[in-house]
Amino acid sequence: MRYDNFIIWGNGLNYVPSIVSMIRDDSNFEIITMKRFETGDMETFIKDIYACDPYPWEHLVAKTRYLLQSPQEIVFILVKNLNPNEIIKGKGDFEHRECVNVINLKVKIRNQFNPRWNSNHRILPLDAGVSHAHCIHGSDYEDQTEHVLKVLGLPDLNYYKRNDDKEYYFPYHIDYKTPTLVKKNIDTLKINIIGAGIVSISDTPHFGYVNGDKQIYINYFYNNFGVSLNEDHFPENFDKLIENFDINYKREDGKINRIIINSGGRVLDGAHRLAIMKKQKYEEIECIQI
């Protein structure tokens, strides 16, 4: 396993939900976090991003020039690459490792969302008629991901990896502490809703969504996506969770996955699952308390 990253450039912003869906549906990857950034001066930003690329800047100027005319904003996506298939590309000073999984996914996304030429001109590996004004960038090797995190002012990979070897599942944003399994009445648990404060699960956009009143949650998610909401809680993924929900679900890595709360009963992870449990008339549930 290794950590990789994707950057959706300005010319791909209109397709973010679809691009995220393609990453989500690729079994090689697990989405960890997503953040939106305004780039400021795009030329400087591109130079910073590509500073650890094996090819010199002069080689990259032509293939990135189109970005200067695109919206000066990106979406950064950090993923776990669960089964990397690494190959050696380039020769001499340009020799470096790349992952076939990342390459294949980039090509698939670019074929779908890169701008089109007015002809069937083709430059491999993309399909005929697809330009090389790429909507997405992907890392070649893990050190590049570490570099991009630094450029964006995000924590280093040790921060995102620190719970990987623990017995229980804890998302990256929660510090792992000695957990206690406790039984709690659903109605006593509290959720922090941006703009509304601490509320019960019945008063959340999440509970409205599972009851068919979807627009409030959709607005809530997209108004905060990439800023305050950084995990893959797109409505399409919420729909999948509702459709396939199993209260006894066990992750493929074998880790126990439960609602995580603090000692005051505030939910730190699991609001979407909690909303489904409330809809399904569960009253008391098992939580991990820290």
Protein backbone atom coordinates (compact mmCIF):
# COMPACT_ATOMS: atom_id res chain seq x y z
CA MET A 1 0.00 0.00 0.00
CA ARG A 2 1.07 3.57 -0.63
CA TYR A 3 -0.54 7.02 -0.60
CA ASP A 4 -1.17 8.89 -3.85
CA ASN A 5 -2.87 12.11 -4.79
CA PHE A 6 -4.94 13.51 -7.60
CA ILE A 7 -5.37 17.17 -8.46
CA ILE A 8 -8.46 18.23 -10.39
CA TRP A 9 -7.43 21.34 -12.32
CA GLY A 10 -9.63 24.34 -13.02
CA ASN A 11 -10.85 22.96 -16.35
CA GLY A 12 -12.21 19.91 -14.52
CA LEU A 13 -14.09 21.64 -11.72
CA ASN A 14 -17.48 21.27 -13.41
CA TYR A 15 -16.99 17.51 -13.33
CA VAL A 16 -15.83 17.05 -9.74
CA PRO A 17 -18.72 14.78 -8.62
CA SER A 18 -18.25 12.52 -11.64
CA ILE A 19 -14.46 12.41 -11.30
CA VAL A 20 -14.72 11.60 -7.59
CA SER A 21 -17.21 8.86 -8.47
CA MET A 22 -14.71 7.32 -10.91
CA ILE A 23 -12.01 7.32 -8.23
CA ARG A 24 -14.42 5.90 -5.65
CA ASP A 25 -15.52 3.11 -7.98
CA ASP A 26 -11.94 2.01 -8.67
CA SER A 27 -11.26 -0.75 -6.14
CA ASN A 28 -7.54 0.09 -6.11
CA PHE A 29 -8.17 3.34 -4.26
CA GLU A 30 -9.71 4.53 -1.01
CA ILE A 31 -10.43 8.26 -0.80
CA ILE A 32 -9.01 9.74 2.41
CA THR A 33 -9.62 13.47 2.12
CA MET A 34 -10.49 16.17 -0.41
CA LYS A 35 -9.78 19.89 -0.20
CA ARG A 36 -10.39 22.88 -2.44
CA PHE A 37 -7.68 25.49 -2.89
CA GLU A 38 -7.42 28.79 -4.68
CA THR A 39 -4.04 28.70 -6.36
CA GLY A 40 -3.20 32.40 -6.59
CA ASP A 41 -0.62 32.86 -9.35
CA MET A 42 -1.14 29.67 -11.35
CA GLU A 43 2.26 29.64 -13.04
CA THR A 44 4.05 29.77 -9.69
CA PHE A 45 1.68 27.17 -8.27
CA ILE A 46 2.33 24.78 -11.15
CA LYS A 47 6.09 25.20 -10.78
CA ASP A 48 5.79 24.40 -7.08
CA ILE A 49 3.64 21.31 -7.71
CA TYR A 50 5.99 19.96 -10.39
CA ALA A 51 9.20 20.86 -8.52
CA CYS A 52 9.92 17.20 -7.76
CA ASP A 53 8.93 15.95 -11.21
CA PRO A 54 11.77 14.06 -12.92
CA TYR A 55 11.43 16.18 -16.05
CA PRO A 56 12.77 19.77 -16.21
CA TRP A 57 10.35 22.71 -16.05
CA GLU A 58 11.02 23.61 -19.70
CA HIS A 59 9.59 20.24 -20.70
CA LEU A 60 6.42 20.91 -18.70
CA VAL A 61 5.69 24.48 -19.82
CA ALA A 62 3.89 23.57 -23.04
CA LYS A 63 1.75 20.87 -21.52
CA THR A 64 0.59 23.08 -18.62
CA ARG A 65 0.23 26.46 -20.39
CA TYR A 66 -3.53 25.93 -20.85
CA LEU A 67 -3.97 26.02 -17.07
CA LEU A 68 -3.15 29.73 -17.03
CA GLN A 69 -6.49 30.32 -18.80
CA SER A 70 -8.45 27.96 -16.54
CA PRO A 71 -10.12 28.85 -13.20
CA GLN A 72 -7.42 29.41 -10.60
CA GLU A 73 -8.73 26.76 -8.26
CA ILE A 74 -8.05 23.05 -7.69
CA VAL A 75 -9.49 20.12 -5.78
CA PHE A 76 -6.84 18.00 -4.06
CA ILE A 77 -7.69 14.35 -3.38
CA LEU A 78 -5.57 12.14 -1.14
CA VAL A 79 -6.05 8.39 -1.62
CA LYS A 80 -4.73 5.11 -0.35
CA ASN A 81 -3.41 3.07 -3.25
CA LEU A 82 -4.30 -0.35 -1.90
CA ASN A 83 -2.46 -2.55 -4.41
CA PRO A 84 0.16 -0.46 -6.24
CA ASN A 85 1.50 -1.95 -9.45
CA GLU A 86 4.73 -0.04 -9.98
CA ILE A 87 6.73 0.11 -13.19
CA ILE A 88 9.87 1.99 -14.21
CA LYS A 89 9.42 4.73 -16.79
CA GLY A 90 11.89 7.10 -18.44
CA LYS A 91 15.59 6.60 -18.95
CA GLY A 92 18.76 7.97 -17.41
CA ASP A 93 18.14 11.09 -15.33
CA PHE A 94 14.42 10.82 -16.08
CA GLU A 95 14.00 7.26 -14.78
CA HIS A 96 11.30 7.04 -12.12
CA ARG A 97 8.59 4.79 -10.71
CA GLU A 98 4.93 5.06 -11.68
CA CYS A 99 1.88 3.02 -10.72
CA VAL A 100 -0.16 1.38 -13.47
CA ASN A 101 -3.31 1.84 -11.35
CA VAL A 102 -2.81 5.61 -11.26
CA ILE A 103 -1.90 5.76 -14.96
CA ASN A 104 -4.98 3.80 -16.01
CA LEU A 105 -7.34 5.86 -13.88
CA LYS A 106 -5.88 9.15 -15.14
CA VAL A 107 -6.31 8.02 -18.74
CA LYS A 108 -9.91 6.94 -18.07
CA ILE A 109 -10.80 10.28 -16.46
CA ARG A 110 -9.00 12.31 -19.12
CA ASN A 111 -10.75 10.45 -21.92
CA GLN A 112 -14.04 11.36 -20.29
CA PHE A 113 -13.49 14.99 -19.28
CA ASN A 114 -10.50 16.54 -21.10
CA PRO A 115 -11.55 19.20 -23.64
CA ARG A 116 -12.04 17.93 -27.16
CA TRP A 117 -10.26 18.88 -30.36
CA ASN A 118 -12.28 19.79 -33.44
CA SER A 119 -10.84 16.75 -35.22
CA ASN A 120 -10.04 13.12 -34.53
CA HIS A 121 -6.37 13.95 -34.00
CA ARG A 122 -4.90 11.53 -31.49
CA ILE A 123 -1.96 11.57 -29.10
CA LEU A 124 -1.58 8.34 -27.20
CA PRO A 125 -2.55 7.11 -24.69
CA LEU A 126 -5.77 9.13 -25.01
CA ASP A 127 -8.61 8.42 -27.41
CA ALA A 128 -8.95 10.11 -30.78
CA GLY A 129 -10.31 13.65 -30.50
CA VAL A 130 -9.31 14.07 -26.84
CA SER A 131 -6.92 16.97 -26.20
CA HIS A 132 -4.01 16.88 -23.78
CA ALA A 133 -5.35 19.84 -21.78
CA HIS A 134 -5.56 17.50 -18.82
CA CYS A 135 -8.32 17.93 -16.28
CA ILE A 136 -6.50 15.84 -13.66
CA HIS A 137 -2.98 15.25 -12.40
CA GLY A 138 -1.88 12.17 -10.46
CA SER A 139 1.23 11.31 -8.48
CA ASP A 140 3.89 8.99 -9.88
CA TYR A 141 5.26 7.85 -6.51
CA GLU A 142 4.63 8.48 -2.82
CA ASP A 143 7.35 11.10 -2.37
CA GLN A 144 5.47 13.28 -4.86
CA THR A 145 2.39 13.06 -2.62
CA GLU A 146 4.51 14.15 0.34
CA HIS A 147 5.78 17.07 -1.74
CA VAL A 148 2.29 18.19 -2.79
CA LEU A 149 1.07 18.06 0.81
CA LYS A 150 3.91 20.41 1.73
CA VAL A 151 3.13 22.79 -1.14
CA LEU A 152 -0.51 22.95 -0.05
CA GLY A 153 0.38 23.49 3.61
CA LEU A 154 -1.20 20.23 4.72
CA PRO A 155 0.16 17.78 7.32
CA ASP A 156 2.73 15.27 6.14
CA LEU A 157 1.87 11.65 5.39
CA ASN A 158 2.71 10.48 8.91
CA TYR A 159 -0.37 12.40 10.06
CA TYR A 160 -2.65 10.53 7.65
CA LYS A 161 -0.98 7.17 8.35
CA ARG A 162 -0.93 7.31 12.13
CA ASN A 163 -4.06 5.17 12.61
CA ASP A 164 -3.31 2.64 9.85
CA ASP A 165 -1.98 -0.09 12.13
CA LYS A 166 -4.55 0.27 14.91
CA GLU A 167 -7.14 -2.35 15.83
CA TYR A 168 -10.16 -0.10 15.43
CA TYR A 169 -10.99 2.08 12.42
CA PHE A 170 -10.35 5.74 13.12
CA PRO A 171 -10.41 8.31 10.29
CA TYR A 172 -7.30 10.41 9.86
CA HIS A 173 -8.75 13.49 11.58
CA ILE A 174 -9.32 11.77 14.94
CA ASP A 175 -6.41 11.13 17.28
CA TYR A 176 -6.47 7.50 18.34
CA LYS A 177 -6.82 7.11 22.08
CA THR A 178 -7.66 4.11 24.23
CA PRO A 179 -11.22 3.31 23.12
CA THR A 180 -14.14 1.99 25.11
CA LEU A 181 -17.10 0.19 23.56
CA VAL A 182 -20.29 1.63 25.04
CA LYS A 183 -24.01 1.31 24.45
CA LYS A 184 -25.80 4.61 23.80
CA ASN A 185 -29.35 5.65 23.09
CA ILE A 186 -29.36 7.30 19.65
CA ASP A 187 -31.42 10.26 20.83
CA THR A 188 -28.80 11.18 23.45
CA LEU A 189 -26.05 11.62 20.85
CA LYS A 190 -25.27 15.04 19.37
CA ILE A 191 -23.99 16.15 15.96
CA ASN A 192 -22.11 19.35 15.11
CA ILE A 193 -23.79 20.89 12.05
CA ILE A 194 -21.98 23.76 10.35
CA GLY A 195 -23.99 26.93 10.83
CA ALA A 196 -26.46 25.31 13.23
CA GLY A 197 -24.29 24.09 16.10
CA ILE A 198 -24.87 20.98 18.20
CA VAL A 199 -28.14 19.20 17.41
CA SER A 200 -29.73 15.77 17.76
CA ILE A 201 -29.63 13.37 14.81
CA SER A 202 -33.32 14.03 14.06
CA ASP A 203 -32.50 17.68 13.35
CA THR A 204 -29.66 17.07 10.89
CA PRO A 205 -29.66 17.40 7.09
CA HIS A 206 -28.45 13.79 7.13
CA PHE A 207 -31.67 12.51 8.72
CA GLY A 208 -33.72 14.61 6.34
CA TYR A 209 -31.88 13.00 3.43
CA VAL A 210 -32.63 9.42 4.47
CA ASN A 211 -36.28 10.44 4.86
CA GLY A 212 -36.45 11.72 1.28
CA ASP A 213 -35.93 15.45 1.90
CA LYS A 214 -32.61 15.46 0.05
CA GLN A 215 -32.10 19.04 -1.08
CA ILE A 216 -31.15 20.47 2.33
CA TYR A 217 -28.34 17.92 2.67
CA ILE A 218 -27.23 18.43 -0.94
CA ASN A 219 -26.97 22.19 -0.37
CA TYR A 220 -25.22 21.64 2.96
CA PHE A 221 -22.64 19.33 1.42
CA TYR A 222 -21.81 21.41 -1.64
CA ASN A 223 -21.70 24.68 0.34
CA ASN A 224 -19.02 23.17 2.58
CA PHE A 225 -17.30 20.60 0.35
CA GLY A 226 -13.53 20.87 0.34
CA VAL A 227 -13.50 23.46 3.11
CA SER A 228 -15.19 22.14 6.25
CA LEU A 229 -16.36 18.82 4.80
CA ASN A 230 -13.37 16.90 3.45
CA GLU A 231 -14.48 13.29 3.20
CA ASP A 232 -16.38 11.48 0.47
CA HIS A 233 -19.92 12.28 1.57
CA PHE A 234 -21.19 13.21 -1.88
CA PRO A 235 -24.93 12.54 -2.19
CA GLU A 236 -24.23 9.68 -4.60
CA ASN A 237 -22.06 7.98 -2.00
CA PHE A 238 -24.64 8.61 0.71
CA ASP A 239 -27.19 6.87 -1.54
CA LYS A 240 -24.90 3.84 -1.79
CA LEU A 241 -24.50 3.75 1.98
CA ILE A 242 -28.28 3.84 2.45
CA GLU A 243 -28.85 1.13 -0.13
CA ASN A 244 -26.19 -1.23 1.24
CA PHE A 245 -26.31 -0.37 4.93
CA ASP A 246 -25.42 -3.17 7.33
CA ILE A 247 -25.14 -2.32 11.01
CA ASN A 248 -22.68 -5.23 11.42
CA TYR A 249 -20.53 -4.14 8.46
CA LYS A 250 -16.88 -5.09 8.77
CA ARG A 251 -14.24 -3.30 6.73
CA GLU A 252 -12.19 -5.29 4.24
CA ASP A 253 -9.09 -4.62 6.34
CA GLY A 254 -10.83 -6.34 9.28
CA LYS A 255 -11.06 -3.24 11.46
CA ILE A 256 -14.08 -2.63 13.67
CA ASN A 257 -16.13 0.24 12.28
CA ARG A 258 -18.45 1.89 14.80
CA ILE A 259 -19.88 5.33 15.51
CA ILE A 260 -17.13 7.27 17.30
CA ILE A 261 -18.13 9.65 20.10
CA ASN A 262 -16.42 11.66 22.80
CA SER A 263 -17.18 11.41 26.50
CA GLY A 264 -19.86 14.08 26.15
CA GLY A 265 -21.81 12.06 23.57
CA ARG A 266 -20.87 14.18 20.55
CA VAL A 267 -20.41 12.19 17.35
CA LEU A 268 -16.88 12.52 15.94
CA ASP A 269 -17.43 10.11 13.04
CA GLY A 270 -20.53 8.35 11.74
CA ALA A 271 -23.33 10.92 11.36
CA HIS A 272 -24.47 9.42 8.05
CA ARG A 273 -24.68 5.92 9.50
CA LEU A 274 -26.40 7.25 12.60
CA ALA A 275 -29.08 8.91 10.46
CA ILE A 276 -29.76 5.58 8.74
CA MET A 277 -29.95 3.76 12.09
CA LYS A 278 -32.43 6.34 13.36
CA LYS A 279 -34.54 5.87 10.23
CA GLN A 280 -34.44 2.08 10.75
CA LYS A 281 -35.79 2.53 14.30
CA TYR A 282 -32.67 1.50 16.20
CA GLU A 283 -32.78 2.91 19.71
CA GLU A 284 -29.57 1.73 21.37
CA ILE A 285 -26.32 1.26 19.46
CA GLU A 286 -22.73 0.32 20.19
CA CYS A 287 -20.26 3.19 19.91
CA ILE A 288 -16.53 3.65 20.34
CA GLN A 289 -16.02 6.29 23.00
CA ILE A 290 -12.75 8.21 23.35
